[in-house]
Amino acid sequence: MVLAAHGSRRSEGQATLLRYARELQTNGAGLRVVCAYLEINRPNIPEALGKMAGEGMDRVVLVPFFLLAGRHTREDLPRMVRRARREYPGTKFYLASFIGFDPRLSAILADRIQKAK
């Protein structure tokens, strides 16, 4: 899978995404996880999709690490997946849903409110 985020100049942003990737890889029963970014950081998303295809992966899922719907989740990421499908016909590319609303996140927010100082 390719875990896709926006990208950030702050190293904490990259470090957090890498922690999620490691967690998914550890708990994903042999799942290969690569981080990729829309801008600023490398690899960018098209590079990561191409790398996975180049490694012989027959199935690649692009997972948007985005909380809200927007241009990136509705236009940019689907366009990148369509392009990868054309460029690497031997690999099947899928686009997972962005995070969106999930009641489990409400519980996390409630916890953060309780711990706010």
PDB file of N, CA and C in Angstrom:
ATOM      1  N   MET A   1       0.834  -1.184   0.000  1.00  0.00           N
ATOM      2  CA  MET A   1       0.000   0.000   0.000  1.00  0.00           C
ATOM      3  C   MET A   1       0.874   1.239   0.000  1.00  0.00           C
ATOM      4  N   VAL A   2       0.329   2.318  -0.514  1.00  0.00           N
ATOM      5  CA  VAL A   2       0.997   3.615  -0.481  1.00  0.00           C
ATOM      6  C   VAL A   2       0.165   4.508   0.429  1.00  0.00           C
ATOM      7  N   LEU A   3       0.743   4.917   1.544  1.00  0.00           N
ATOM      8  CA  LEU A   3       0.088   5.800   2.500  1.00  0.00           C
ATOM      9  C   LEU A   3       0.411   7.231   2.080  1.00  0.00           C
ATOM     10  N   ALA A   4      -0.593   7.958   1.625  1.00  0.00           N
ATOM     11  CA  ALA A   4      -0.381   9.264   1.001  1.00  0.00           C
ATOM     12  C   ALA A   4      -0.812  10.411   1.899  1.00  0.00           C
ATOM     13  N   ALA A   5       0.097  11.363   2.080  1.00  0.00           N
ATOM     14  CA  ALA A   5      -0.190  12.564   2.868  1.00  0.00           C
ATOM     15  C   ALA A   5       0.135  13.796   2.039  1.00  0.00           C
ATOM     16  N   HIS A   6      -0.215  14.946   2.572  1.00  0.00           N
ATOM     17  CA  HIS A   6       0.012  16.188   1.855  1.00  0.00           C
ATOM     18  C   HIS A   6       1.493  16.509   1.723  1.00  0.00           C
ATOM     19  N   GLY A   7       2.234  16.357   2.801  1.00  0.00           N
ATOM     20  CA  GLY A   7       3.638  16.753   2.844  1.00  0.00           C
ATOM     21  C   GLY A   7       3.810  17.960   3.737  1.00  0.00           C
ATOM     22  N   SER A   8       4.984  18.085   4.333  1.00  0.00           N
ATOM     23  CA  SER A   8       5.230  19.163   5.285  1.00  0.00           C
ATOM     24  C   SER A   8       6.719  19.465   5.358  1.00  0.00           C
ATOM     25  N   ARG A   9       7.030  20.710   5.609  1.00  0.00           N
ATOM     26  CA  ARG A   9       8.428  21.096   5.817  1.00  0.00           C
ATOM     27  C   ARG A   9       8.904  20.696   7.221  1.00  0.00           C
ATOM     28  N   ARG A  10       7.970  20.395   8.089  1.00  0.00           N
ATOM     29  CA  ARG A  10       8.310  20.029   9.465  1.00  0.00           C
ATOM     30  C   ARG A  10       8.577  18.527   9.559  1.00  0.00           C
ATOM     31  N   SER A  11       9.667  18.176  10.157  1.00  0.00           N
ATOM     32  CA  SER A  11      10.043  16.762  10.256  1.00  0.00           C
ATOM     33  C   SER A  11       9.053  15.957  11.095  1.00  0.00           C
ATOM     34  N   GLU A  12       8.358  16.618  12.017  1.00  0.00           N
ATOM     35  CA  GLU A  12       7.385  15.905  12.845  1.00  0.00           C
ATOM     36  C   GLU A  12       6.264  15.314  11.991  1.00  0.00           C
ATOM     37  N   GLY A  13       5.900  16.018  10.933  1.00  0.00           N
ATOM     38  CA  GLY A  13       4.853  15.516  10.039  1.00  0.00           C
ATOM     39  C   GLY A  13       5.274  14.225   9.372  1.00  0.00           C
ATOM     40  N   GLN A  14       6.474  14.201   8.855  1.00  0.00           N
ATOM     41  CA  GLN A  14       6.984  12.989   8.218  1.00  0.00           C
ATOM     42  C   GLN A  14       7.138  11.865   9.249  1.00  0.00           C
ATOM     43  N   ALA A  15       7.636  12.193  10.420  1.00  0.00           N
ATOM     44  CA  ALA A  15       7.855  11.181  11.454  1.00  0.00           C
ATOM     45  C   ALA A  15       6.539  10.525  11.874  1.00  0.00           C
ATOM     46  N   THR A  16       5.494  11.310  11.984  1.00  0.00           N
ATOM     47  CA  THR A  16       4.193  10.763  12.374  1.00  0.00           C
ATOM     48  C   THR A  16       3.669   9.816  11.301  1.00  0.00           C
ATOM     49  N   LEU A  17       3.771  10.219  10.042  1.00  0.00           N
ATOM     50  CA  LEU A  17       3.307   9.347   8.961  1.00  0.00           C
ATOM     51  C   LEU A  17       4.112   8.049   8.939  1.00  0.00           C
ATOM     52  N   LEU A  18       5.407   8.142   9.153  1.00  0.00           N
ATOM     53  CA  LEU A  18       6.243   6.936   9.186  1.00  0.00           C
ATOM     54  C   LEU A  18       5.851   6.014  10.345  1.00  0.00           C
ATOM     55  N   ARG A  19       5.459   6.591  11.459  1.00  0.00           N
ATOM     56  CA  ARG A  19       4.993   5.769  12.592  1.00  0.00           C
ATOM     57  C   ARG A  19       3.735   5.003  12.221  1.00  0.00           C
ATOM     58  N   TYR A  20       2.805   5.685  11.533  1.00  0.00           N
ATOM     59  CA  TYR A  20       1.600   4.997  11.073  1.00  0.00           C
ATOM     60  C   TYR A  20       1.952   3.898  10.082  1.00  0.00           C
ATOM     61  N   ALA A  21       2.874   4.172   9.191  1.00  0.00           N
ATOM     62  CA  ALA A  21       3.284   3.173   8.202  1.00  0.00           C
ATOM     63  C   ALA A  21       3.876   1.941   8.885  1.00  0.00           C
ATOM     64  N   ARG A  22       4.749   2.165   9.855  1.00  0.00           N
ATOM     65  CA  ARG A  22       5.348   1.038  10.583  1.00  0.00           C
ATOM     66  C   ARG A  22       4.284   0.232  11.318  1.00  0.00           C
ATOM     67  N   GLU A  23       3.343   0.931  11.927  1.00  0.00           N
ATOM     68  CA  GLU A  23       2.258   0.260  12.651  1.00  0.00           C
ATOM     69  C   GLU A  23       1.423  -0.590  11.691  1.00  0.00           C
ATOM     70  N   LEU A  24       1.084  -0.039  10.542  1.00  0.00           N
ATOM     71  CA  LEU A  24       0.312  -0.791   9.549  1.00  0.00           C
ATOM     72  C   LEU A  24       1.096  -1.994   9.036  1.00  0.00           C
ATOM     73  N   GLN A  25       2.382  -1.794   8.814  1.00  0.00           N
ATOM     74  CA  GLN A  25       3.207  -2.883   8.311  1.00  0.00           C
ATOM     75  C   GLN A  25       3.340  -3.991   9.360  1.00  0.00           C
ATOM     76  N   THR A  26       3.505  -3.618  10.603  1.00  0.00           N
ATOM     77  CA  THR A  26       3.640  -4.588  11.684  1.00  0.00           C
ATOM     78  C   THR A  26       2.354  -5.375  11.882  1.00  0.00           C
ATOM     79  N   ASN A  27       1.219  -4.694  11.826  1.00  0.00           N
ATOM     80  CA  ASN A  27      -0.064  -5.338  12.106  1.00  0.00           C
ATOM     81  C   ASN A  27      -0.818  -5.754  10.848  1.00  0.00           C
ATOM     82  N   GLY A  28      -0.209  -5.597   9.684  1.00  0.00           N
ATOM     83  CA  GLY A  28      -0.906  -5.861   8.431  1.00  0.00           C
ATOM     84  C   GLY A  28      -0.597  -7.186   7.783  1.00  0.00           C
ATOM     85  N   ALA A  29      -0.105  -8.151   8.536  1.00  0.00           N
ATOM     86  CA  ALA A  29       0.147  -9.502   8.028  1.00  0.00           C
ATOM     87  C   ALA A  29       0.957  -9.482   6.732  1.00  0.00           C
ATOM     88  N   GLY A  30       2.135  -8.891   6.802  1.00  0.00           N
ATOM     89  CA  GLY A  30       3.024  -8.893   5.646  1.00  0.00           C
ATOM     90  C   GLY A  30       2.757  -7.802   4.637  1.00  0.00           C
ATOM     91  N   LEU A  31       1.934  -6.867   4.977  1.00  0.00           N
ATOM     92  CA  LEU A  31       1.608  -5.762   4.089  1.00  0.00           C
ATOM     93  C   LEU A  31       2.825  -4.868   3.892  1.00  0.00           C
ATOM     94  N   ARG A  32       3.145  -4.540   2.663  1.00  0.00           N
ATOM     95  CA  ARG A  32       4.239  -3.607   2.366  1.00  0.00           C
ATOM     96  C   ARG A  32       3.645  -2.212   2.350  1.00  0.00           C
ATOM     97  N   VAL A  33       4.208  -1.295   3.131  1.00  0.00           N
ATOM     98  CA  VAL A  33       3.690   0.062   3.245  1.00  0.00           C
ATOM     99  C   VAL A  33       4.788   1.059   2.883  1.00  0.00           C
ATOM    100  N   VAL A  34       4.461   1.967   1.970  1.00  0.00           N
ATOM    101  CA  VAL A  34       5.371   3.026   1.549  1.00  0.00           C
ATOM    102  C   VAL A  34       4.662   4.355   1.770  1.00  0.00           C
ATOM    103  N   CYS A  35       5.369   5.341   2.295  1.00  0.00           N
ATOM    104  CA  CYS A  35       4.809   6.687   2.452  1.00  0.00           C
ATOM    105  C   CYS A  35       5.088   7.497   1.192  1.00  0.00           C
ATOM    106  N   ALA A  36       4.153   8.365   0.838  1.00  0.00           N
ATOM    107  CA  ALA A  36       4.320   9.245  -0.317  1.00  0.00           C
ATOM    108  C   ALA A  36       3.572  10.543  -0.043  1.00  0.00           C
ATOM    109  N   TYR A  37       3.941  11.576  -0.817  1.00  0.00           N
ATOM    110  CA  TYR A  37       3.435  12.911  -0.512  1.00  0.00           C
ATOM    111  C   TYR A  37       2.976  13.639  -1.776  1.00  0.00           C
ATOM    112  N   LEU A  38       1.977  14.504  -1.593  1.00  0.00           N
ATOM    113  CA  LEU A  38       1.511  15.335  -2.699  1.00  0.00           C
ATOM    114  C   LEU A  38       2.536  16.400  -3.071  1.00  0.00           C
ATOM    115  N   GLU A  39       3.146  16.981  -2.076  1.00  0.00           N
ATOM    116  CA  GLU A  39       4.126  18.026  -2.355  1.00  0.00           C
ATOM    117  C   GLU A  39       5.152  18.106  -1.228  1.00  0.00           C
ATOM    118  N   ILE A  40       6.211  18.809  -1.460  1.00  0.00           N
ATOM    119  CA  ILE A  40       7.303  19.117  -0.541  1.00  0.00           C
ATOM    120  C   ILE A  40       8.231  17.921  -0.309  1.00  0.00           C
ATOM    121  N   ASN A  41       7.707  16.781   0.139  1.00  0.00           N
ATOM    122  CA  ASN A  41       8.539  15.629   0.496  1.00  0.00           C
ATOM    123  C   ASN A  41       8.608  14.606  -0.631  1.00  0.00           C
ATOM    124  N   ARG A  42       9.576  13.712  -0.510  1.00  0.00           N
ATOM    125  CA  ARG A  42       9.752  12.624  -1.474  1.00  0.00           C
ATOM    126  C   ARG A  42       9.611  11.303  -0.759  1.00  0.00           C
ATOM    127  N   PRO A  43       9.194  10.279  -1.440  1.00  0.00           N
ATOM    128  CA  PRO A  43       8.804  10.306  -2.839  1.00  0.00           C
ATOM    129  C   PRO A  43       7.434  10.953  -2.998  1.00  0.00           C
ATOM    130  N   ASN A  44       7.176  11.509  -4.176  1.00  0.00           N
ATOM    131  CA  ASN A  44       5.828  11.992  -4.429  1.00  0.00           C
ATOM    132  C   ASN A  44       4.957  10.778  -4.775  1.00  0.00           C
ATOM    133  N   ILE A  45       3.687  10.983  -4.849  1.00  0.00           N
ATOM    134  CA  ILE A  45       2.761   9.858  -5.023  1.00  0.00           C
ATOM    135  C   ILE A  45       2.984   9.115  -6.346  1.00  0.00           C
ATOM    136  N   PRO A  46       3.091   9.812  -7.489  1.00  0.00           N
ATOM    137  CA  PRO A  46       3.346   9.061  -8.726  1.00  0.00           C
ATOM    138  C   PRO A  46       4.644   8.247  -8.676  1.00  0.00           C
ATOM    139  N   GLU A  47       5.684   8.783  -8.039  1.00  0.00           N
ATOM    140  CA  GLU A  47       6.936   8.024  -7.902  1.00  0.00           C
ATOM    141  C   GLU A  47       6.720   6.756  -7.095  1.00  0.00           C
ATOM    142  N   ALA A  48       5.993   6.864  -5.989  1.00  0.00           N
ATOM    143  CA  ALA A  48       5.760   5.703  -5.132  1.00  0.00           C
ATOM    144  C   ALA A  48       4.916   4.646  -5.848  1.00  0.00           C
ATOM    145  N   LEU A  49       3.899   5.078  -6.577  1.00  0.00           N
ATOM    146  CA  LEU A  49       3.084   4.118  -7.332  1.00  0.00           C
ATOM    147  C   LEU A  49       3.934   3.404  -8.381  1.00  0.00           C
ATOM    148  N   GLY A  50       4.784   4.156  -9.080  1.00  0.00           N
ATOM    149  CA  GLY A  50       5.669   3.564 -10.074  1.00  0.00           C
ATOM    150  C   GLY A  50       6.677   2.613  -9.455  1.00  0.00           C
ATOM    151  N   LYS A  51       7.180   2.976  -8.292  1.00  0.00           N
ATOM    152  CA  LYS A  51       8.145   2.110  -7.600  1.00  0.00           C
ATOM    153  C   LYS A  51       7.501   0.782  -7.229  1.00  0.00           C
ATOM    154  N   MET A  52       6.284   0.831  -6.720  1.00  0.00           N
ATOM    155  CA  MET A  52       5.591  -0.396  -6.345  1.00  0.00           C
ATOM    156  C   MET A  52       5.355  -1.272  -7.574  1.00  0.00           C
ATOM    157  N   ALA A  53       4.947  -0.663  -8.669  1.00  0.00           N
ATOM    158  CA  ALA A  53       4.747  -1.428  -9.907  1.00  0.00           C
ATOM    159  C   ALA A  53       6.077  -2.005 -10.382  1.00  0.00           C
ATOM    160  N   GLY A  54       7.143  -1.207 -10.286  1.00  0.00           N
ATOM    161  CA  GLY A  54       8.471  -1.654 -10.703  1.00  0.00           C
ATOM    162  C   GLY A  54       9.007  -2.793  -9.863  1.00  0.00           C
ATOM    163  N   GLU A  55       8.537  -2.906  -8.626  1.00  0.00           N
ATOM    164  CA  GLU A  55       8.947  -4.006  -7.751  1.00  0.00           C
ATOM    165  C   GLU A  55       8.124  -5.265  -8.006  1.00  0.00           C
ATOM    166  N   GLY A  56       7.226  -5.185  -8.985  1.00  0.00           N
ATOM    167  CA  GLY A  56       6.445  -6.364  -9.341  1.00  0.00           C
ATOM    168  C   GLY A  56       5.176  -6.566  -8.540  1.00  0.00           C
ATOM    169  N   MET A  57       4.766  -5.551  -7.810  1.00  0.00           N
ATOM    170  CA  MET A  57       3.514  -5.680  -7.057  1.00  0.00           C
ATOM    171  C   MET A  57       2.367  -5.818  -8.043  1.00  0.00           C
ATOM    172  N   ASP A  58       1.503  -6.799  -7.836  1.00  0.00           N
ATOM    173  CA  ASP A  58       0.379  -6.955  -8.760  1.00  0.00           C
ATOM    174  C   ASP A  58      -0.843  -6.157  -8.311  1.00  0.00           C
ATOM    175  N   ARG A  59      -0.837  -5.688  -7.043  1.00  0.00           N
ATOM    176  CA  ARG A  59      -1.953  -4.910  -6.493  1.00  0.00           C
ATOM    177  C   ARG A  59      -1.386  -3.837  -5.577  1.00  0.00           C
ATOM    178  N   VAL A  60      -1.775  -2.589  -5.823  1.00  0.00           N
ATOM    179  CA  VAL A  60      -1.321  -1.466  -5.005  1.00  0.00           C
ATOM    180  C   VAL A  60      -2.539  -0.645  -4.612  1.00  0.00           C
ATOM    181  N   VAL A  61      -2.666  -0.372  -3.316  1.00  0.00           N
ATOM    182  CA  VAL A  61      -3.770   0.449  -2.811  1.00  0.00           C
ATOM    183  C   VAL A  61      -3.189   1.776  -2.330  1.00  0.00           C
ATOM    184  N   LEU A  62      -3.698   2.865  -2.883  1.00  0.00           N
ATOM    185  CA  LEU A  62      -3.331   4.209  -2.437  1.00  0.00           C
ATOM    186  C   LEU A  62      -4.295   4.599  -1.323  1.00  0.00           C
ATOM    187  N   VAL A  63      -3.754   4.846  -0.140  1.00  0.00           N
ATOM    188  CA  VAL A  63      -4.572   5.159   1.034  1.00  0.00           C
ATOM    189  C   VAL A  63      -4.354   6.619   1.419  1.00  0.00           C
ATOM    190  N   PRO A  64      -5.352   7.473   1.204  1.00  0.00           N
ATOM    191  CA  PRO A  64      -5.208   8.896   1.540  1.00  0.00           C
ATOM    192  C   PRO A  64      -5.236   9.118   3.049  1.00  0.00           C
ATOM    193  N   PHE A  65      -4.167   9.695   3.567  1.00  0.00           N
ATOM    194  CA  PHE A  65      -4.115  10.052   4.976  1.00  0.00           C
ATOM    195  C   PHE A  65      -4.630  11.490   5.103  1.00  0.00           C
ATOM    196  N   PHE A  66      -5.907  11.645   4.753  1.00  0.00           N
ATOM    197  CA  PHE A  66      -6.576  12.942   4.754  1.00  0.00           C
ATOM    198  C   PHE A  66      -7.862  12.805   5.545  1.00  0.00           C
ATOM    199  N   LEU A  67      -8.126  13.782   6.389  1.00  0.00           N
ATOM    200  CA  LEU A  67      -9.300  13.742   7.239  1.00  0.00           C
ATOM    201  C   LEU A  67     -10.560  14.218   6.500  1.00  0.00           C
ATOM    202  N   LEU A  68     -10.430  15.252   5.681  1.00  0.00           N
ATOM    203  CA  LEU A  68     -11.594  15.886   5.066  1.00  0.00           C
ATOM    204  C   LEU A  68     -11.595  15.744   3.546  1.00  0.00           C
ATOM    205  N   ALA A  69     -12.797  15.779   2.977  1.00  0.00           N
ATOM    206  CA  ALA A  69     -12.928  15.772   1.521  1.00  0.00           C
ATOM    207  C   ALA A  69     -12.457  17.115   0.984  1.00  0.00           C
ATOM    208  N   GLY A  70     -11.821  17.082  -0.139  1.00  0.00           N
ATOM    209  CA  GLY A  70     -11.361  18.305  -0.773  1.00  0.00           C
ATOM    210  C   GLY A  70     -10.838  17.992  -2.163  1.00  0.00           C
ATOM    211  N   ARG A  71     -10.214  18.969  -2.762  1.00  0.00           N
ATOM    212  CA  ARG A  71      -9.707  18.825  -4.122  1.00  0.00           C
ATOM    213  C   ARG A  71      -8.728  17.664  -4.240  1.00  0.00           C
ATOM    214  N   HIS A  72      -7.878  17.496  -3.251  1.00  0.00           N
ATOM    215  CA  HIS A  72      -6.892  16.419  -3.331  1.00  0.00           C
ATOM    216  C   HIS A  72      -7.568  15.047  -3.326  1.00  0.00           C
ATOM    217  N   THR A  73      -8.557  14.867  -2.445  1.00  0.00           N
ATOM    218  CA  THR A  73      -9.195  13.553  -2.347  1.00  0.00           C
ATOM    219  C   THR A  73     -10.176  13.293  -3.488  1.00  0.00           C
ATOM    220  N   ARG A  74     -10.768  14.344  -4.027  1.00  0.00           N
ATOM    221  CA  ARG A  74     -11.763  14.151  -5.089  1.00  0.00           C
ATOM    222  C   ARG A  74     -11.185  14.256  -6.495  1.00  0.00           C
ATOM    223  N   GLU A  75     -10.080  14.989  -6.662  1.00  0.00           N
ATOM    224  CA  GLU A  75      -9.548  15.195  -8.007  1.00  0.00           C
ATOM    225  C   GLU A  75      -8.114  14.679  -8.171  1.00  0.00           C
ATOM    226  N   ASP A  76      -7.207  15.161  -7.341  1.00  0.00           N
ATOM    227  CA  ASP A  76      -5.781  14.873  -7.539  1.00  0.00           C
ATOM    228  C   ASP A  76      -5.448  13.390  -7.382  1.00  0.00           C
ATOM    229  N   LEU A  77      -5.863  12.796  -6.283  1.00  0.00           N
ATOM    230  CA  LEU A  77      -5.523  11.388  -6.043  1.00  0.00           C
ATOM    231  C   LEU A  77      -6.177  10.449  -7.057  1.00  0.00           C
ATOM    232  N   PRO A  78      -7.473  10.626  -7.378  1.00  0.00           N
ATOM    233  CA  PRO A  78      -8.044   9.768  -8.422  1.00  0.00           C
ATOM    234  C   PRO A  78      -7.325   9.914  -9.772  1.00  0.00           C
ATOM    235  N   ARG A  79      -6.915  11.135 -10.098  1.00  0.00           N
ATOM    236  CA  ARG A  79      -6.186  11.355 -11.350  1.00  0.00           C
ATOM    237  C   ARG A  79      -4.852  10.606 -11.338  1.00  0.00           C
ATOM    238  N   MET A  80      -4.161  10.609 -10.216  1.00  0.00           N
ATOM    239  CA  MET A  80      -2.883   9.903 -10.113  1.00  0.00           C
ATOM    240  C   MET A  80      -3.058   8.394 -10.254  1.00  0.00           C
ATOM    241  N   VAL A  81      -4.139   7.873  -9.691  1.00  0.00           N
ATOM    242  CA  VAL A  81      -4.403   6.437  -9.814  1.00  0.00           C
ATOM    243  C   VAL A  81      -4.746   6.084 -11.256  1.00  0.00           C
ATOM    244  N   ARG A  82      -5.564   6.905 -11.918  1.00  0.00           N
ATOM    245  CA  ARG A  82      -5.887   6.647 -13.332  1.00  0.00           C
ATOM    246  C   ARG A  82      -4.629   6.648 -14.189  1.00  0.00           C
ATOM    247  N   ARG A  83      -3.753   7.585 -13.925  1.00  0.00           N
ATOM    248  CA  ARG A  83      -2.499   7.668 -14.685  1.00  0.00           C
ATOM    249  C   ARG A  83      -1.627   6.426 -14.443  1.00  0.00           C
ATOM    250  N   ALA A  84      -1.522   6.008 -13.193  1.00  0.00           N
ATOM    251  CA  ALA A  84      -0.729   4.815 -12.877  1.00  0.00           C
ATOM    252  C   ALA A  84      -1.302   3.593 -13.578  1.00  0.00           C
ATOM    253  N   ARG A  85      -2.614   3.491 -13.643  1.00  0.00           N
ATOM    254  CA  ARG A  85      -3.241   2.360 -14.343  1.00  0.00           C
ATOM    255  C   ARG A  85      -2.846   2.328 -15.816  1.00  0.00           C
ATOM    256  N   ARG A  86      -2.772   3.510 -16.424  1.00  0.00           N
ATOM    257  CA  ARG A  86      -2.367   3.581 -17.840  1.00  0.00           C
ATOM    258  C   ARG A  86      -0.889   3.249 -18.009  1.00  0.00           C
ATOM    259  N   GLU A  87      -0.048   3.780 -17.108  1.00  0.00           N
ATOM    260  CA  GLU A  87       1.399   3.622 -17.245  1.00  0.00           C
ATOM    261  C   GLU A  87       1.898   2.235 -16.861  1.00  0.00           C
ATOM    262  N   TYR A  88       1.193   1.568 -15.956  1.00  0.00           N
ATOM    263  CA  TYR A  88       1.633   0.264 -15.459  1.00  0.00           C
ATOM    264  C   TYR A  88       0.475  -0.732 -15.549  1.00  0.00           C
ATOM    265  N   PRO A  89       0.128  -1.151 -16.765  1.00  0.00           N
ATOM    266  CA  PRO A  89      -1.047  -2.012 -16.941  1.00  0.00           C
ATOM    267  C   PRO A  89      -0.918  -3.382 -16.275  1.00  0.00           C
ATOM    268  N   GLY A  90       0.275  -3.799 -15.914  1.00  0.00           N
ATOM    269  CA  GLY A  90       0.455  -5.091 -15.253  1.00  0.00           C
ATOM    270  C   GLY A  90       0.156  -5.058 -13.766  1.00  0.00           C
ATOM    271  N   THR A  91      -0.115  -3.884 -13.234  1.00  0.00           N
ATOM    272  CA  THR A  91      -0.413  -3.717 -11.810  1.00  0.00           C
ATOM    273  C   THR A  91      -1.817  -3.155 -11.661  1.00  0.00           C
ATOM    274  N   LYS A  92      -2.578  -3.693 -10.716  1.00  0.00           N
ATOM    275  CA  LYS A  92      -3.908  -3.164 -10.430  1.00  0.00           C
ATOM    276  C   LYS A  92      -3.780  -2.128  -9.327  1.00  0.00           C
ATOM    277  N   PHE A  93      -4.279  -0.933  -9.584  1.00  0.00           N
ATOM    278  CA  PHE A  93      -4.225   0.165  -8.619  1.00  0.00           C
ATOM    279  C   PHE A  93      -5.630   0.452  -8.110  1.00  0.00           C
ATOM    280  N   TYR A  94      -5.725   0.649  -6.797  1.00  0.00           N
ATOM    281  CA  TYR A  94      -6.992   0.956  -6.148  1.00  0.00           C
ATOM    282  C   TYR A  94      -6.804   2.207  -5.296  1.00  0.00           C
ATOM    283  N   LEU A  95      -7.882   2.944  -5.126  1.00  0.00           N
ATOM    284  CA  LEU A  95      -7.864   4.131  -4.274  1.00  0.00           C
ATOM    285  C   LEU A  95      -8.811   3.890  -3.107  1.00  0.00           C
ATOM    286  N   ALA A  96      -8.266   3.858  -1.896  1.00  0.00           N
ATOM    287  CA  ALA A  96      -9.090   3.721  -0.689  1.00  0.00           C
ATOM    288  C   ALA A  96      -9.750   5.063  -0.373  1.00  0.00           C
ATOM    289  N   SER A  97     -10.752   5.034   0.466  1.00  0.00           N
ATOM    290  CA  SER A  97     -11.416   6.265   0.897  1.00  0.00           C
ATOM    291  C   SER A  97     -10.520   7.039   1.852  1.00  0.00           C
ATOM    292  N   PHE A  98     -10.669   8.356   1.853  1.00  0.00           N
ATOM    293  CA  PHE A  98      -9.981   9.175   2.848  1.00  0.00           C
ATOM    294  C   PHE A  98     -10.630   8.907   4.205  1.00  0.00           C
ATOM    295  N   ILE A  99     -10.055   9.425   5.269  1.00  0.00           N
ATOM    296  CA  ILE A  99     -10.509   9.081   6.613  1.00  0.00           C
ATOM    297  C   ILE A  99     -11.948   9.529   6.853  1.00  0.00           C
ATOM    298  N   GLY A 100     -12.263  10.786   6.596  1.00  0.00           N
ATOM    299  CA  GLY A 100     -13.634  11.257   6.759  1.00  0.00           C
ATOM    300  C   GLY A 100     -14.137  11.135   8.182  1.00  0.00           C
ATOM    301  N   PHE A 101     -15.456  11.077   8.315  1.00  0.00           N
ATOM    302  CA  PHE A 101     -16.049  10.968   9.650  1.00  0.00           C
ATOM    303  C   PHE A 101     -15.959   9.533  10.147  1.00  0.00           C
ATOM    304  N   ASP A 102     -15.582   9.403  11.392  1.00  0.00           N
ATOM    305  CA  ASP A 102     -15.563   8.103  12.045  1.00  0.00           C
ATOM    306  C   ASP A 102     -15.769   8.374  13.528  1.00  0.00           C
ATOM    307  N   PRO A 103     -16.764   7.752  14.149  1.00  0.00           N
ATOM    308  CA  PRO A 103     -17.030   8.030  15.560  1.00  0.00           C
ATOM    309  C   PRO A 103     -15.840   7.738  16.468  1.00  0.00           C
ATOM    310  N   ARG A 104     -14.932   6.868  16.030  1.00  0.00           N
ATOM    311  CA  ARG A 104     -13.744   6.599  16.845  1.00  0.00           C
ATOM    312  C   ARG A 104     -12.885   7.852  16.970  1.00  0.00           C
ATOM    313  N   LEU A 105     -12.886   8.698  15.942  1.00  0.00           N
ATOM    314  CA  LEU A 105     -12.136   9.956  16.031  1.00  0.00           C
ATOM    315  C   LEU A 105     -12.782  10.918  17.018  1.00  0.00           C
ATOM    316  N   SER A 106     -14.103  10.856  17.137  1.00  0.00           N
ATOM    317  CA  SER A 106     -14.790  11.701  18.125  1.00  0.00           C
ATOM    318  C   SER A 106     -14.305  11.370  19.524  1.00  0.00           C
ATOM    319  N   ALA A 107     -14.090  10.107  19.794  1.00  0.00           N
ATOM    320  CA  ALA A 107     -13.584   9.693  21.106  1.00  0.00           C
ATOM    321  C   ALA A 107     -12.182  10.234  21.340  1.00  0.00           C
ATOM    322  N   ILE A 108     -11.363  10.238  20.314  1.00  0.00           N
ATOM    323  CA  ILE A 108     -10.006  10.795  20.435  1.00  0.00           C
ATOM    324  C   ILE A 108     -10.082  12.291  20.701  1.00  0.00           C
ATOM    325  N   LEU A 109     -10.964  12.991  19.976  1.00  0.00           N
ATOM    326  CA  LEU A 109     -11.118  14.432  20.199  1.00  0.00           C
ATOM    327  C   LEU A 109     -11.598  14.718  21.617  1.00  0.00           C
ATOM    328  N   ALA A 110     -12.546  13.938  22.115  1.00  0.00           N
ATOM    329  CA  ALA A 110     -13.030  14.119  23.487  1.00  0.00           C
ATOM    330  C   ALA A 110     -11.896  13.928  24.483  1.00  0.00           C
ATOM    331  N   ASP A 111     -11.039  12.939  24.231  1.00  0.00           N
ATOM    332  CA  ASP A 111      -9.881  12.709  25.085  1.00  0.00           C
ATOM    333  C   ASP A 111      -8.950  13.925  25.050  1.00  0.00           C
ATOM    334  N   ARG A 112      -8.716  14.480  23.885  1.00  0.00           N
ATOM    335  CA  ARG A 112      -7.830  15.654  23.756  1.00  0.00           C
ATOM    336  C   ARG A 112      -8.408  16.864  24.504  1.00  0.00           C
ATOM    337  N   ILE A 113      -9.725  17.007  24.446  1.00  0.00           N
ATOM    338  CA  ILE A 113     -10.367  18.115  25.159  1.00  0.00           C
ATOM    339  C   ILE A 113     -10.167  17.964  26.659  1.00  0.00           C
ATOM    340  N   GLN A 114     -10.325  16.756  27.176  1.00  0.00           N
ATOM    341  CA  GLN A 114     -10.146  16.497  28.599  1.00  0.00           C
ATOM    342  C   GLN A 114      -8.721  16.779  29.055  1.00  0.00           C
ATOM    343  N   LYS A 115      -7.757  16.522  28.155  1.00  0.00           N
ATOM    344  CA  LYS A 115      -6.350  16.682  28.524  1.00  0.00           C
ATOM    345  C   LYS A 115      -5.796  18.075  28.213  1.00  0.00           C
ATOM    346  N   ALA A 116      -6.605  18.932  27.621  1.00  0.00           N
ATOM    347  CA  ALA A 116      -6.148  20.278  27.251  1.00  0.00           C
ATOM    348  C   ALA A 116      -5.804  21.087  28.494  1.00  0.00           C
ATOM    349  N   LYS A 117      -4.727  21.848  28.375  1.00  0.00           N
ATOM    350  CA  LYS A 117      -4.287  22.674  29.513  1.00  0.00           C
ATOM    351  C   LYS A 117      -4.227  24.109  29.106  1.00  0.00           C
TER     352      LYS A 117
END
